[in-house]
């Protein structure tokens, strides 16, 4: 038995496998596209005032600045 008895994968088989792999990737992209669009379309939620609860733990100067900005934005 020489080296000629070794089986080789034909180019046709490699091409079929590549097409199948590409087809699966395209299908996965189509499945994921609506999720990506839905996530991008969600409106951003405005920031609440929960950061104002932490004013007592902040540096007094920083707390004053944050409180002034919150009053201006309200």
C-alpha atoms as a PDB file:
ATOM      1  CA  UNK A   1       0.000   0.000   0.000  1.00  0.00           C
ATOM      2  CA  UNK A   2       1.559   3.172  -1.154  1.00  0.00           C
ATOM      3  CA  UNK A   3       0.761   6.785  -0.631  1.00  0.00           C
ATOM      4  CA  UNK A   4      -1.623   6.681  -3.614  1.00  0.00           C
ATOM      5  CA  UNK A   5      -4.267   4.897  -1.536  1.00  0.00           C
ATOM      6  CA  UNK A   6      -4.707   7.983   0.639  1.00  0.00           C
ATOM      7  CA  UNK A   7      -8.180   9.481   0.222  1.00  0.00           C
ATOM      8  CA  UNK A   8      -8.399  13.121  -0.733  1.00  0.00           C
ATOM      9  CA  UNK A   9     -11.217  15.584  -0.273  1.00  0.00           C
ATOM     10  CA  UNK A  10     -12.341  16.766  -3.685  1.00  0.00           C
ATOM     11  CA  UNK A  11     -12.676  20.428  -4.575  1.00  0.00           C
ATOM     12  CA  UNK A  12     -16.382  19.858  -5.188  1.00  0.00           C
ATOM     13  CA  UNK A  13     -16.853  18.716  -1.606  1.00  0.00           C
ATOM     14  CA  UNK A  14     -14.835  21.651  -0.263  1.00  0.00           C
ATOM     15  CA  UNK A  15     -16.933  24.040  -2.366  1.00  0.00           C
ATOM     16  CA  UNK A  16     -20.179  22.490  -1.079  1.00  0.00           C
ATOM     17  CA  UNK A  17     -18.998  22.824   2.505  1.00  0.00           C
ATOM     18  CA  UNK A  18     -17.993  26.459   1.949  1.00  0.00           C
ATOM     19  CA  UNK A  19     -21.367  27.304   0.379  1.00  0.00           C
ATOM     20  CA  UNK A  20     -23.186  25.624   3.264  1.00  0.00           C
ATOM     21  CA  UNK A  21     -21.056  27.508   5.809  1.00  0.00           C
ATOM     22  CA  UNK A  22     -21.755  30.835   4.053  1.00  0.00           C
ATOM     23  CA  UNK A  23     -25.467  30.065   3.832  1.00  0.00           C
ATOM     24  CA  UNK A  24     -25.607  29.351   7.569  1.00  0.00           C
ATOM     25  CA  UNK A  25     -23.769  32.578   8.341  1.00  0.00           C
ATOM     26  CA  UNK A  26     -26.191  34.595   6.177  1.00  0.00           C
ATOM     27  CA  UNK A  27     -29.154  32.928   7.874  1.00  0.00           C
ATOM     28  CA  UNK A  28     -27.752  33.744  11.295  1.00  0.00           C
ATOM     29  CA  UNK A  29     -27.234  37.370  10.241  1.00  0.00           C
ATOM     30  CA  UNK A  30     -30.849  37.584   9.034  1.00  0.00           C
ATOM     31  CA  UNK A  31     -32.067  36.142  12.336  1.00  0.00           C
ATOM     32  CA  UNK A  32     -29.995  38.580  14.368  1.00  0.00           C
ATOM     33  CA  UNK A  33     -30.836  41.684  12.319  1.00  0.00           C
ATOM     34  CA  UNK A  34     -34.291  42.319  13.882  1.00  0.00           C
ATOM     35  CA  UNK A  35     -32.810  42.093  17.375  1.00  0.00           C
ATOM     36  CA  UNK A  36     -30.075  44.572  16.539  1.00  0.00           C
ATOM     37  CA  UNK A  37     -32.589  46.972  14.954  1.00  0.00           C
ATOM     38  CA  UNK A  38     -34.922  46.673  17.934  1.00  0.00           C
ATOM     39  CA  UNK A  39     -32.124  47.438  20.371  1.00  0.00           C
ATOM     40  CA  UNK A  40     -31.052  50.448  18.321  1.00  0.00           C
ATOM     41  CA  UNK A  41     -34.629  51.751  18.079  1.00  0.00           C
ATOM     42  CA  UNK A  42     -35.261  51.752  21.833  1.00  0.00           C
ATOM     43  CA  UNK A  43     -35.436  55.312  23.114  1.00  0.00           C
ATOM     44  CA  UNK A  44     -32.952  56.345  25.735  1.00  0.00           C
ATOM     45  CA  UNK A  45     -34.394  56.792  29.180  1.00  0.00           C
ATOM     46  CA  UNK A  46     -33.818  60.197  30.759  1.00  0.00           C
ATOM     47  CA  UNK A  47     -31.654  60.290  33.814  1.00  0.00           C
ATOM     48  CA  UNK A  48     -33.602  60.373  37.017  1.00  0.00           C
ATOM     49  CA  UNK A  49     -32.887  62.295  40.153  1.00  0.00           C
ATOM     50  CA  UNK A  50     -31.606  59.279  42.060  1.00  0.00           C
ATOM     51  CA  UNK A  51     -28.126  60.821  41.995  1.00  0.00           C
ATOM     52  CA  UNK A  52     -29.461  63.608  44.200  1.00  0.00           C
ATOM     53  CA  UNK A  53     -29.937  61.106  47.027  1.00  0.00           C
ATOM     54  CA  UNK A  54     -26.187  60.707  47.219  1.00  0.00           C
ATOM     55  CA  UNK A  55     -25.523  64.413  47.695  1.00  0.00           C
ATOM     56  CA  UNK A  56     -25.022  63.989  51.428  1.00  0.00           C
ATOM     57  CA  UNK A  57     -22.102  61.613  50.788  1.00  0.00           C
ATOM     58  CA  UNK A  58     -20.433  63.921  48.250  1.00  0.00           C
ATOM     59  CA  UNK A  59     -17.909  66.630  48.756  1.00  0.00           C
ATOM     60  CA  UNK A  60     -19.915  69.762  49.751  1.00  0.00           C
ATOM     61  CA  UNK A  61     -18.587  71.809  46.805  1.00  0.00           C
ATOM     62  CA  UNK A  62     -19.428  69.089  44.289  1.00  0.00           C
ATOM     63  CA  UNK A  63     -22.835  68.561  45.881  1.00  0.00           C
ATOM     64  CA  UNK A  64     -23.621  72.267  45.487  1.00  0.00           C
ATOM     65  CA  UNK A  65     -22.679  72.217  41.812  1.00  0.00           C
ATOM     66  CA  UNK A  66     -24.767  69.084  41.131  1.00  0.00           C
ATOM     67  CA  UNK A  67     -27.752  70.565  42.965  1.00  0.00           C
ATOM     68  CA  UNK A  68     -27.541  73.801  40.956  1.00  0.00           C
ATOM     69  CA  UNK A  69     -27.393  71.900  37.665  1.00  0.00           C
ATOM     70  CA  UNK A  70     -30.361  69.778  38.697  1.00  0.00           C
ATOM     71  CA  UNK A  71     -32.398  72.906  39.482  1.00  0.00           C
ATOM     72  CA  UNK A  72     -31.515  74.451  36.112  1.00  0.00           C
ATOM     73  CA  UNK A  73     -32.456  71.273  34.209  1.00  0.00           C
ATOM     74  CA  UNK A  74     -35.768  70.804  36.062  1.00  0.00           C
END
